[in-house]
């Protein structure tokens, strides 16, 4: 099954962008099914956090590990 760009839910918590999401891998579901139904695991992200760290490349590398804990919180 092919999915079109307009059928992807970019605001889903599970969408990583470069790889299939976890529910798709585990259950074979798509953002929008052929019959028009929405993925039962769809979880809309309502808040976003943007962290901008402009400095040396070493600063970016050292701060990267904190992104996942910040995302969980």
N, C-alpha and C. Protein backbone atom coordinates (compact mmCIF):
# COMPACT_ATOMS: atom_id res chain seq x y z
N UNK A 1 0.85 -1.18 0.00
CA UNK A 1 0.00 0.00 0.00
C UNK A 1 0.89 1.24 0.00
N UNK A 2 0.54 2.18 -0.81
CA UNK A 2 1.27 3.43 -0.89
C UNK A 2 0.49 4.52 -0.17
N UNK A 3 1.19 5.34 0.57
CA UNK A 3 0.54 6.42 1.31
C UNK A 3 1.00 7.75 0.70
N UNK A 4 0.07 8.66 0.52
CA UNK A 4 0.42 9.95 -0.07
C UNK A 4 0.85 10.93 1.02
N UNK A 5 1.53 11.96 0.59
CA UNK A 5 2.05 12.98 1.50
C UNK A 5 0.94 13.61 2.32
N UNK A 6 -0.24 13.79 1.74
CA UNK A 6 -1.35 14.44 2.44
C UNK A 6 -1.99 13.55 3.50
N UNK A 7 -1.70 12.25 3.48
CA UNK A 7 -2.29 11.33 4.45
C UNK A 7 -1.44 11.17 5.70
N UNK A 8 -0.27 11.77 5.73
CA UNK A 8 0.63 11.64 6.88
C UNK A 8 0.26 12.67 7.94
N UNK A 9 0.15 12.23 9.16
CA UNK A 9 -0.17 13.12 10.28
C UNK A 9 1.14 13.55 10.92
N UNK A 10 1.63 14.73 10.53
CA UNK A 10 2.92 15.21 10.99
C UNK A 10 2.90 15.65 12.46
N UNK A 11 1.71 15.79 13.03
CA UNK A 11 1.61 16.18 14.43
C UNK A 11 1.45 14.99 15.37
N UNK A 12 1.70 13.78 14.88
CA UNK A 12 1.60 12.59 15.72
C UNK A 12 2.87 12.42 16.55
N UNK A 13 2.69 12.08 17.78
CA UNK A 13 3.79 11.90 18.72
C UNK A 13 4.76 10.80 18.27
N UNK A 14 4.29 9.81 17.55
CA UNK A 14 5.12 8.67 17.18
C UNK A 14 5.88 8.87 15.87
N UNK A 15 5.55 9.87 15.10
CA UNK A 15 6.21 10.09 13.81
C UNK A 15 7.62 10.62 14.02
N UNK A 16 8.59 9.91 13.50
CA UNK A 16 9.99 10.32 13.61
C UNK A 16 10.46 11.02 12.34
N UNK A 17 9.78 10.83 11.26
CA UNK A 17 10.11 11.51 10.02
C UNK A 17 10.94 10.70 9.06
N UNK A 18 12.02 10.11 9.53
CA UNK A 18 12.91 9.39 8.62
C UNK A 18 12.69 7.88 8.62
N UNK A 19 11.96 7.37 9.58
CA UNK A 19 11.70 5.93 9.67
C UNK A 19 10.22 5.71 9.99
N UNK A 20 9.69 4.53 9.69
CA UNK A 20 8.30 4.26 10.05
C UNK A 20 8.10 4.35 11.57
N UNK A 21 6.94 4.79 11.98
CA UNK A 21 6.66 4.95 13.40
C UNK A 21 6.52 3.59 14.09
N UNK A 22 6.59 3.60 15.40
CA UNK A 22 6.53 2.38 16.19
C UNK A 22 5.22 1.61 15.98
N UNK A 23 4.03 2.28 16.00
CA UNK A 23 2.79 1.53 15.76
C UNK A 23 2.75 0.89 14.36
N UNK A 24 3.35 1.56 13.37
CA UNK A 24 3.38 0.97 12.03
C UNK A 24 4.24 -0.29 12.02
N UNK A 25 5.38 -0.24 12.69
CA UNK A 25 6.27 -1.40 12.73
C UNK A 25 5.64 -2.56 13.50
N UNK A 26 4.98 -2.26 14.61
CA UNK A 26 4.43 -3.32 15.46
C UNK A 26 3.09 -3.85 14.98
N UNK A 27 2.24 -2.96 14.43
CA UNK A 27 0.86 -3.35 14.11
C UNK A 27 0.50 -3.19 12.64
N UNK A 28 1.40 -2.60 11.85
CA UNK A 28 1.14 -2.43 10.42
C UNK A 28 0.10 -1.38 10.09
N UNK A 29 -0.16 -0.44 10.98
CA UNK A 29 -1.15 0.60 10.72
C UNK A 29 -0.50 1.79 10.00
N UNK A 30 -1.34 2.58 9.35
CA UNK A 30 -0.89 3.78 8.65
C UNK A 30 -1.60 4.98 9.26
N UNK A 31 -1.04 6.18 9.03
CA UNK A 31 -1.65 7.41 9.55
C UNK A 31 -3.12 7.50 9.13
N UNK A 32 -3.36 7.26 7.86
CA UNK A 32 -4.71 7.24 7.33
C UNK A 32 -4.84 5.98 6.48
N UNK A 33 -5.77 5.11 6.82
CA UNK A 33 -5.94 3.85 6.09
C UNK A 33 -6.64 4.10 4.76
N UNK A 34 -6.66 3.08 3.92
CA UNK A 34 -7.29 3.18 2.61
C UNK A 34 -8.78 3.51 2.72
N UNK A 35 -9.42 3.06 3.81
CA UNK A 35 -10.85 3.34 3.98
C UNK A 35 -11.11 4.71 4.61
N UNK A 36 -10.03 5.48 4.89
CA UNK A 36 -10.18 6.83 5.44
C UNK A 36 -10.11 6.90 6.95
N UNK A 37 -10.00 5.74 7.61
CA UNK A 37 -9.94 5.75 9.07
C UNK A 37 -8.55 6.21 9.54
N UNK A 38 -8.53 6.80 10.73
CA UNK A 38 -7.30 7.33 11.31
C UNK A 38 -6.68 6.25 12.19
N UNK A 39 -5.36 6.23 12.26
CA UNK A 39 -4.62 5.27 13.07
C UNK A 39 -5.13 5.29 14.51
N UNK A 40 -5.42 4.14 15.09
CA UNK A 40 -5.92 4.11 16.48
C UNK A 40 -4.86 4.53 17.50
N UNK A 41 -3.60 4.59 17.10
CA UNK A 41 -2.52 4.98 18.00
C UNK A 41 -2.14 6.44 17.84
N UNK A 42 -2.86 7.16 17.00
CA UNK A 42 -2.57 8.58 16.74
C UNK A 42 -2.68 9.37 18.04
N UNK A 43 -1.61 10.08 18.38
CA UNK A 43 -1.55 10.88 19.60
C UNK A 43 -1.00 12.25 19.21
N UNK A 44 -1.87 13.22 19.13
CA UNK A 44 -1.49 14.55 18.66
C UNK A 44 -0.59 15.27 19.66
N UNK A 45 0.50 15.83 19.15
CA UNK A 45 1.39 16.64 19.97
C UNK A 45 0.80 18.04 20.05
N UNK A 46 0.58 18.53 21.26
CA UNK A 46 -0.04 19.85 21.41
C UNK A 46 0.96 20.92 21.81
N UNK A 47 2.13 20.50 22.31
CA UNK A 47 3.15 21.47 22.70
C UNK A 47 4.48 21.09 22.06
N UNK A 48 5.25 22.09 21.72
CA UNK A 48 6.57 21.88 21.16
C UNK A 48 7.59 22.69 21.94
N UNK A 49 8.79 22.18 21.99
CA UNK A 49 9.90 22.88 22.64
C UNK A 49 10.98 23.07 21.60
N UNK A 50 11.49 24.29 21.50
CA UNK A 50 12.58 24.58 20.58
C UNK A 50 13.78 25.02 21.40
N UNK A 51 14.87 24.30 21.25
CA UNK A 51 16.10 24.64 21.94
C UNK A 51 17.11 25.07 20.89
N UNK A 52 17.60 26.28 21.02
CA UNK A 52 18.60 26.80 20.09
C UNK A 52 19.88 27.02 20.86
N UNK A 53 20.90 26.36 20.44
CA UNK A 53 22.21 26.48 21.09
C UNK A 53 23.20 26.87 20.01
N UNK A 54 23.48 28.16 19.92
CA UNK A 54 24.42 28.64 18.93
C UNK A 54 25.78 28.80 19.59
N UNK A 55 26.68 28.03 19.19
CA UNK A 55 28.03 28.06 19.76
C UNK A 55 28.91 27.13 18.96
N UNK A 56 29.93 26.69 19.58
CA UNK A 56 30.85 25.77 18.92
C UNK A 56 30.18 24.41 18.72
N UNK A 57 30.69 23.63 17.79
CA UNK A 57 30.15 22.31 17.51
C UNK A 57 30.22 21.43 18.76
N UNK A 58 31.26 21.60 19.56
CA UNK A 58 31.38 20.82 20.79
C UNK A 58 30.23 21.08 21.74
N UNK A 59 29.73 22.31 21.80
CA UNK A 59 28.57 22.62 22.65
C UNK A 59 27.33 21.87 22.17
N UNK A 60 27.16 21.80 20.87
CA UNK A 60 26.00 21.09 20.31
C UNK A 60 26.10 19.61 20.64
N UNK A 61 27.27 19.04 20.48
CA UNK A 61 27.46 17.61 20.76
C UNK A 61 27.24 17.32 22.25
N UNK A 62 27.70 18.19 23.13
CA UNK A 62 27.54 17.96 24.57
C UNK A 62 26.09 18.12 25.02
N UNK A 63 25.32 18.97 24.38
CA UNK A 63 23.95 19.20 24.81
C UNK A 63 22.95 18.25 24.15
N UNK A 64 23.33 17.53 23.11
CA UNK A 64 22.42 16.62 22.43
C UNK A 64 21.82 15.56 23.36
N UNK A 65 22.56 14.95 24.29
CA UNK A 65 21.98 13.93 25.16
C UNK A 65 20.83 14.43 26.05
N UNK A 66 20.72 15.72 26.29
CA UNK A 66 19.62 16.20 27.15
C UNK A 66 18.30 16.31 26.41
N UNK A 67 18.31 16.20 25.08
CA UNK A 67 17.08 16.37 24.31
C UNK A 67 16.03 15.31 24.63
N UNK A 68 16.43 14.05 24.75
CA UNK A 68 15.46 12.99 25.03
C UNK A 68 14.82 13.15 26.41
N UNK A 69 15.57 13.41 27.48
CA UNK A 69 14.91 13.64 28.78
C UNK A 69 14.00 14.87 28.77
N UNK A 70 14.38 15.92 28.08
CA UNK A 70 13.53 17.10 27.99
C UNK A 70 12.25 16.75 27.24
N UNK A 71 12.36 15.95 26.20
CA UNK A 71 11.19 15.54 25.42
C UNK A 71 10.23 14.72 26.29
N UNK A 72 10.77 13.82 27.11
CA UNK A 72 9.92 12.98 27.98
C UNK A 72 9.18 13.82 29.02
N UNK A 73 9.83 14.82 29.56
CA UNK A 73 9.23 15.66 30.59
C UNK A 73 8.16 16.55 29.98
